[in-house]
C-alpha atoms as a PDB file:
ATOM      1  CA  MET A   1       0.000   0.000   0.000  1.00  0.00           C
ATOM      2  CA  PRO A   2       1.381   3.479  -0.817  1.00  0.00           C
ATOM      3  CA  PHE A   3       2.577   5.643   2.052  1.00  0.00           C
ATOM      4  CA  PHE A   4       0.233   8.469   1.072  1.00  0.00           C
ATOM      5  CA  SER A   5      -2.932   6.404   1.269  1.00  0.00           C
ATOM      6  CA  LEU A   6      -6.110   8.052   2.568  1.00  0.00           C
ATOM      7  CA  PRO A   7      -5.827   6.502   6.082  1.00  0.00           C
ATOM      8  CA  ASN A   8      -2.191   7.652   6.388  1.00  0.00           C
ATOM      9  CA  ILE A   9      -3.045  11.166   5.207  1.00  0.00           C
ATOM     10  CA  ILE A  10      -5.815  11.314   7.814  1.00  0.00           C
ATOM     11  CA  SER A  11      -3.351  10.114  10.480  1.00  0.00           C
ATOM     12  CA  LEU A  12      -0.767  12.700   9.423  1.00  0.00           C
ATOM     13  CA  SER A  13      -3.417  15.429   9.619  1.00  0.00           C
ATOM     14  CA  ARG A  14      -3.334  15.001  13.413  1.00  0.00           C
ATOM     15  CA  ILE A  15       0.256  16.209  13.423  1.00  0.00           C
ATOM     16  CA  ALA A  16      -0.760  19.218  11.327  1.00  0.00           C
ATOM     17  CA  LEU A  17      -3.575  20.002  13.788  1.00  0.00           C
ATOM     18  CA  LEU A  18      -1.208  20.364  16.764  1.00  0.00           C
ATOM     19  CA  PRO A  19       0.159  23.849  15.908  1.00  0.00           C
ATOM     20  CA  ALA A  20      -3.405  25.062  15.272  1.00  0.00           C
ATOM     21  CA  PHE A  21      -4.530  23.636  18.604  1.00  0.00           C
ATOM     22  CA  ILE A  22      -1.655  25.291  20.498  1.00  0.00           C
ATOM     23  CA  PHE A  23      -2.132  28.627  18.702  1.00  0.00           C
ATOM     24  CA  LEU A  24      -5.864  28.654  19.465  1.00  0.00           C
ATOM     25  CA  LEU A  25      -5.300  27.620  23.077  1.00  0.00           C
ATOM     26  CA  TYR A  26      -2.730  30.359  23.693  1.00  0.00           C
ATOM     27  CA  SER A  27      -4.927  32.879  21.846  1.00  0.00           C
ATOM     28  CA  ASN A  28      -7.647  32.146  24.419  1.00  0.00           C
ATOM     29  CA  ASN A  29      -9.884  30.737  21.704  1.00  0.00           C
ATOM     30  CA  ILE A  30     -10.684  27.776  23.931  1.00  0.00           C
ATOM     31  CA  ILE A  31     -13.872  26.542  22.257  1.00  0.00           C
ATOM     32  CA  THR A  32     -12.188  26.368  18.838  1.00  0.00           C
ATOM     33  CA  ALA A  33      -9.159  24.668  20.422  1.00  0.00           C
ATOM     34  CA  VAL A  34     -11.516  22.100  21.976  1.00  0.00           C
ATOM     35  CA  ALA A  35     -13.114  21.584  18.549  1.00  0.00           C
ATOM     36  CA  ILE A  36      -9.648  20.963  17.036  1.00  0.00           C
ATOM     37  CA  PHE A  37      -8.868  18.532  19.850  1.00  0.00           C
ATOM     38  CA  ILE A  38     -12.113  16.639  19.230  1.00  0.00           C
ATOM     39  CA  LEU A  39     -11.459  16.674  15.478  1.00  0.00           C
ATOM     40  CA  ALA A  40      -8.043  15.104  16.095  1.00  0.00           C
ATOM     41  CA  GLY A  41      -9.716  12.399  18.163  1.00  0.00           C
ATOM     42  CA  LEU A  42     -12.207  11.747  15.387  1.00  0.00           C
ATOM     43  CA  THR A  43      -9.404  11.436  12.821  1.00  0.00           C
ATOM     44  CA  ASP A  44      -7.852   8.793  15.067  1.00  0.00           C
ATOM     45  CA  LYS A  45     -10.999   6.696  14.717  1.00  0.00           C
ATOM     46  CA  LEU A  46     -11.634   7.577  11.076  1.00  0.00           C
ATOM     47  CA  ASP A  47      -8.227   6.490   9.766  1.00  0.00           C
ATOM     48  CA  GLY A  48      -8.578   3.039  11.310  1.00  0.00           C
ATOM     49  CA  PHE A  49     -12.174   2.701  10.147  1.00  0.00           C
ATOM     50  CA  ILE A  50     -11.281   3.538   6.542  1.00  0.00           C
ATOM     51  CA  ALA A  51      -8.225   1.274   6.596  1.00  0.00           C
ATOM     52  CA  LYS A  52     -10.333  -1.671   7.787  1.00  0.00           C
ATOM     53  CA  LYS A  53     -13.319  -0.945   5.560  1.00  0.00           C
ATOM     54  CA  LYS A  54     -11.217  -0.505   2.400  1.00  0.00           C
ATOM     55  CA  LYS A  55      -8.822  -3.332   3.355  1.00  0.00           C
ATOM     56  CA  MET A  56      -5.930  -0.870   3.455  1.00  0.00           C
ATOM     57  CA  GLU A  57      -4.464  -1.912   6.816  1.00  0.00           C
ATOM     58  CA  SER A  58      -0.691  -2.064   6.828  1.00  0.00           C
ATOM     59  CA  TYR A  59       2.201  -2.154   9.207  1.00  0.00           C
ATOM     60  CA  THR A  60       3.354   1.266   7.963  1.00  0.00           C
ATOM     61  CA  GLY A  61      -0.133   2.649   8.526  1.00  0.00           C
ATOM     62  CA  ARG A  62      -0.128   1.423  12.107  1.00  0.00           C
ATOM     63  CA  LEU A  63       3.231   3.073  12.718  1.00  0.00           C
ATOM     64  CA  VAL A  64       2.029   6.340  11.170  1.00  0.00           C
ATOM     65  CA  ASP A  65      -1.068   6.195  13.392  1.00  0.00           C
ATOM     66  CA  VAL A  66       1.016   5.634  16.543  1.00  0.00           C
ATOM     67  CA  LEU A  67       3.419   8.416  15.575  1.00  0.00           C
ATOM     68  CA  ALA A  68       0.572  10.854  14.908  1.00  0.00           C
ATOM     69  CA  ASP A  69      -1.163   9.916  18.179  1.00  0.00           C
ATOM     70  CA  THR A  70       2.021  10.340  20.163  1.00  0.00           C
ATOM     71  CA  ILE A  71       2.883  13.717  18.659  1.00  0.00           C
ATOM     72  CA  PHE A  72      -0.619  15.190  18.848  1.00  0.00           C
ATOM     73  CA  PHE A  73      -1.736  13.917  22.225  1.00  0.00           C
ATOM     74  CA  VAL A  74       1.572  14.425  24.026  1.00  0.00           C
ATOM     75  CA  GLY A  75       1.916  17.900  22.514  1.00  0.00           C
ATOM     76  CA  SER A  76      -1.630  18.911  23.366  1.00  0.00           C
ATOM     77  CA  PHE A  77      -1.414  17.507  26.881  1.00  0.00           C
ATOM     78  CA  ILE A  78       1.802  19.386  27.602  1.00  0.00           C
ATOM     79  CA  ALA A  79       0.352  22.589  26.103  1.00  0.00           C
ATOM     80  CA  VAL A  80      -2.734  22.313  28.328  1.00  0.00           C
ATOM     81  CA  MET A  81      -0.654  21.542  31.417  1.00  0.00           C
ATOM     82  CA  PHE A  82       1.531  24.620  30.902  1.00  0.00           C
ATOM     83  CA  TYR A  83      -1.293  26.906  29.786  1.00  0.00           C
ATOM     84  CA  TYR A  84      -3.436  26.101  32.812  1.00  0.00           C
ATOM     85  CA  ASN A  85      -0.423  25.658  35.114  1.00  0.00           C
ATOM     86  CA  ILE A  86      -1.891  22.418  36.412  1.00  0.00           C
ATOM     87  CA  TRP A  87       0.462  19.818  37.804  1.00  0.00           C
ATOM     88  CA  TRP A  88       2.776  19.939  34.836  1.00  0.00           C
ATOM     89  CA  VAL A  89       5.227  17.642  36.615  1.00  0.00           C
ATOM     90  CA  LEU A  90       2.520  15.006  36.906  1.00  0.00           C
ATOM     91  CA  GLY A  91       1.599  15.682  33.296  1.00  0.00           C
ATOM     92  CA  LEU A  92       5.114  14.620  32.418  1.00  0.00           C
ATOM     93  CA  LEU A  93       4.284  11.171  33.798  1.00  0.00           C
ATOM     94  CA  ILE A  94       1.540  10.856  31.197  1.00  0.00           C
ATOM     95  CA  PHE A  95       3.934  12.220  28.589  1.00  0.00           C
ATOM     96  CA  THR A  96       6.423   9.527  29.600  1.00  0.00           C
ATOM     97  CA  LYS A  97       3.828   6.780  29.117  1.00  0.00           C
ATOM     98  CA  GLN A  98       2.981   8.015  25.629  1.00  0.00           C
ATOM     99  CA  LEU A  99       6.638   8.390  24.780  1.00  0.00           C
ATOM    100  CA  VAL A 100       7.592   4.934  26.082  1.00  0.00           C
ATOM    101  CA  ILE A 101       4.803   3.194  24.207  1.00  0.00           C
ATOM    102  CA  GLY A 102       5.210   5.287  21.067  1.00  0.00           C
ATOM    103  CA  LEU A 103       8.979   4.891  20.876  1.00  0.00           C
ATOM    104  CA  PHE A 104       8.847   1.173  21.562  1.00  0.00           C
ATOM    105  CA  ILE A 105       6.314   0.662  18.812  1.00  0.00           C
ATOM    106  CA  ILE A 106       8.052   2.901  16.298  1.00  0.00           C
ATOM    107  CA  PHE A 107      11.632   1.796  16.898  1.00  0.00           C
ATOM    108  CA  PHE A 108      11.503  -1.763  18.191  1.00  0.00           C
ATOM    109  CA  SER A 109       8.644  -3.342  16.297  1.00  0.00           C
ATOM    110  CA  PRO A 110      10.414  -3.106  12.903  1.00  0.00           C
ATOM    111  CA  LEU A 111      13.288  -5.108  14.391  1.00  0.00           C
ATOM    112  CA  ASN A 112      11.239  -7.980  15.723  1.00  0.00           C
ATOM    113  CA  LYS A 113       8.118  -9.618  14.278  1.00  0.00           C
ATOM    114  CA  LYS A 114       7.057 -10.856  17.727  1.00  0.00           C
ATOM    115  CA  TYR A 115       7.108  -7.235  18.900  1.00  0.00           C
ATOM    116  CA  ARG A 116       4.736  -6.309  16.091  1.00  0.00           C
ATOM    117  CA  GLN A 117       2.287  -8.975  17.170  1.00  0.00           C
ATOM    118  CA  ILE A 118       2.344  -7.892  20.812  1.00  0.00           C
ATOM    119  CA  TYR A 119       2.244  -4.136  20.232  1.00  0.00           C
ATOM    120  CA  PHE A 120      -0.546  -4.087  17.745  1.00  0.00           C
ATOM    121  CA  LYS A 121      -2.845  -6.233  19.851  1.00  0.00           C
ATOM    122  CA  LYS A 122      -5.678  -4.389  21.479  1.00  0.00           C
ATOM    123  CA  HIS A 123      -4.598  -3.900  25.105  1.00  0.00           C
ATOM    124  CA  MET A 124      -7.210  -2.410  27.431  1.00  0.00           C
ATOM    125  CA  MET A 125      -4.920  -0.454  29.769  1.00  0.00           C
ATOM    126  CA  PRO A 126      -3.392   1.910  27.165  1.00  0.00           C
ATOM    127  CA  ARG A 127      -6.830   2.547  25.672  1.00  0.00           C
ATOM    128  CA  LEU A 128      -8.342   3.219  29.089  1.00  0.00           C
ATOM    129  CA  SER A 129      -5.488   5.534  30.059  1.00  0.00           C
ATOM    130  CA  SER A 130      -5.818   7.399  26.745  1.00  0.00           C
ATOM    131  CA  PHE A 131      -9.565   7.820  27.314  1.00  0.00           C
ATOM    132  CA  PHE A 132      -8.983   9.385  30.728  1.00  0.00           C
ATOM    133  CA  GLN A 133      -6.167  11.571  29.382  1.00  0.00           C
ATOM    134  CA  VAL A 134      -8.572  12.964  26.792  1.00  0.00           C
ATOM    135  CA  LEU A 135     -11.301  13.368  29.413  1.00  0.00           C
ATOM    136  CA  ALA A 136      -8.877  15.183  31.719  1.00  0.00           C
ATOM    137  CA  ILE A 137      -7.789  17.565  28.954  1.00  0.00           C
ATOM    138  CA  LEU A 138     -11.366  18.341  27.917  1.00  0.00           C
ATOM    139  CA  THR A 139     -12.582  18.897  31.484  1.00  0.00           C
ATOM    140  CA  ILE A 140      -9.649  21.221  32.167  1.00  0.00           C
ATOM    141  CA  MET A 141     -10.250  23.227  28.985  1.00  0.00           C
ATOM    142  CA  LEU A 142     -14.015  23.452  29.493  1.00  0.00           C
ATOM    143  CA  ASP A 143     -13.711  24.461  33.177  1.00  0.00           C
ATOM    144  CA  PHE A 144     -15.314  21.257  34.392  1.00  0.00           C
ATOM    145  CA  TYR A 145     -11.989  20.345  35.889  1.00  0.00           C
ATOM    146  CA  LYS A 146     -12.080  17.522  38.396  1.00  0.00           C
ATOM    147  CA  SER A 147      -8.765  16.457  39.899  1.00  0.00           C
ATOM    148  CA  TYR A 148      -9.745  12.795  40.000  1.00  0.00           C
ATOM    149  CA  PHE A 149      -9.711  12.652  36.179  1.00  0.00           C
ATOM    150  CA  ILE A 150      -6.076  13.710  36.081  1.00  0.00           C
ATOM    151  CA  TRP A 151      -5.139  11.359  38.926  1.00  0.00           C
ATOM    152  CA  LEU A 152      -6.935   8.495  37.226  1.00  0.00           C
ATOM    153  CA  ALA A 153      -5.236   9.344  33.923  1.00  0.00           C
ATOM    154  CA  ILE A 154      -1.851   9.363  35.675  1.00  0.00           C
ATOM    155  CA  LEU A 155      -2.479   6.058  37.449  1.00  0.00           C
ATOM    156  CA  LEU A 156      -3.736   4.349  34.288  1.00  0.00           C
ATOM    157  CA  SER A 157      -0.854   5.803  32.265  1.00  0.00           C
ATOM    158  CA  LEU A 158       1.677   4.368  34.687  1.00  0.00           C
ATOM    159  CA  LEU A 159      -0.071   0.991  34.643  1.00  0.00           C
ATOM    160  CA  ALA A 160      -0.158   1.052  30.836  1.00  0.00           C
ATOM    161  CA  ALA A 161       3.558   1.852  30.647  1.00  0.00           C
ATOM    162  CA  ILE A 162       4.299  -0.968  33.089  1.00  0.00           C
ATOM    163  CA  GLN A 163       2.178  -3.337  30.988  1.00  0.00           C
ATOM    164  CA  TRP A 164       4.049  -2.397  27.793  1.00  0.00           C
ATOM    165  CA  LEU A 165       7.441  -2.688  29.495  1.00  0.00           C
ATOM    166  CA  TYR A 166       6.484  -6.089  30.902  1.00  0.00           C
ATOM    167  CA  HIS A 167       5.465  -7.369  27.465  1.00  0.00           C
ATOM    168  CA  SER A 168       8.680  -5.946  26.006  1.00  0.00           C
ATOM    169  CA  TYR A 169      10.747  -7.653  28.667  1.00  0.00           C
ATOM    170  CA  LYS A 170       9.033 -10.980  27.962  1.00  0.00           C
ATOM    171  CA  ILE A 171       9.756 -10.675  24.238  1.00  0.00           C
ATOM    172  CA  LEU A 172      13.366  -9.640  24.787  1.00  0.00           C
ATOM    173  CA  LYS A 173      13.866 -12.445  27.311  1.00  0.00           C
ATOM    174  CA  ILE A 174      12.434 -15.044  24.915  1.00  0.00           C
ATOM    175  CA  ASP A 175      14.537 -13.732  22.030  1.00  0.00           C
ATOM    176  CA  SER A 176      17.746 -13.750  24.067  1.00  0.00           C
ATOM    177  CA  LYS A 177      17.493 -17.521  24.673  1.00  0.00           C
END
C-alpha cells in the first residue's frame, strides 16, 4: 500500500492540527481549540475505520497512526498543562507513558516480528489511560476540571507503561534464549 494512502493522510493530519490547537489555546480561543482537539480524536478513529473498511491496513499505517497519536496527544497535553499551570510535573508522567509506548512501537517493532504482534494487539490499559487523558484535557479546557480525572489518567498511564514494558521484557527475554 502506498505511504500516502487516505488513512495515512488522515493520520498525518493530526500532526498538522497540533500547531493550530496550540495557537488557538494560547490565543484564548478555547472553544475552537476544543473543537480541534475533538477533530483530532475523530481522525484517530476515522483512519482506522477507513483502513479496515477498504482493506488498506498495513504495518506502515499502524506506525504512522502511533506516531501521529504520540505527537498530537503528548503535545496537546503538555500545552494544556503549561497553559493552565496544572500539575505539569505530573503531566510529564503521562507524557512519559505516551513516549515509552510510542517509541517502543516505532523503533523496536520493525526489528522484531514478535514485537509487532504484541504491540498491535488491542490492550485495554493503554486505551483506558488514553480515554482518561482525553477526558482530563477536555474537562480542564471546558472548566469542568475535576482532579480525579487527572489522577486516574496518571495512574492508568503508569499501569499502561508498566504493561508495555512487561510485554517488552518478555519478548526480549524469549529472544535472548
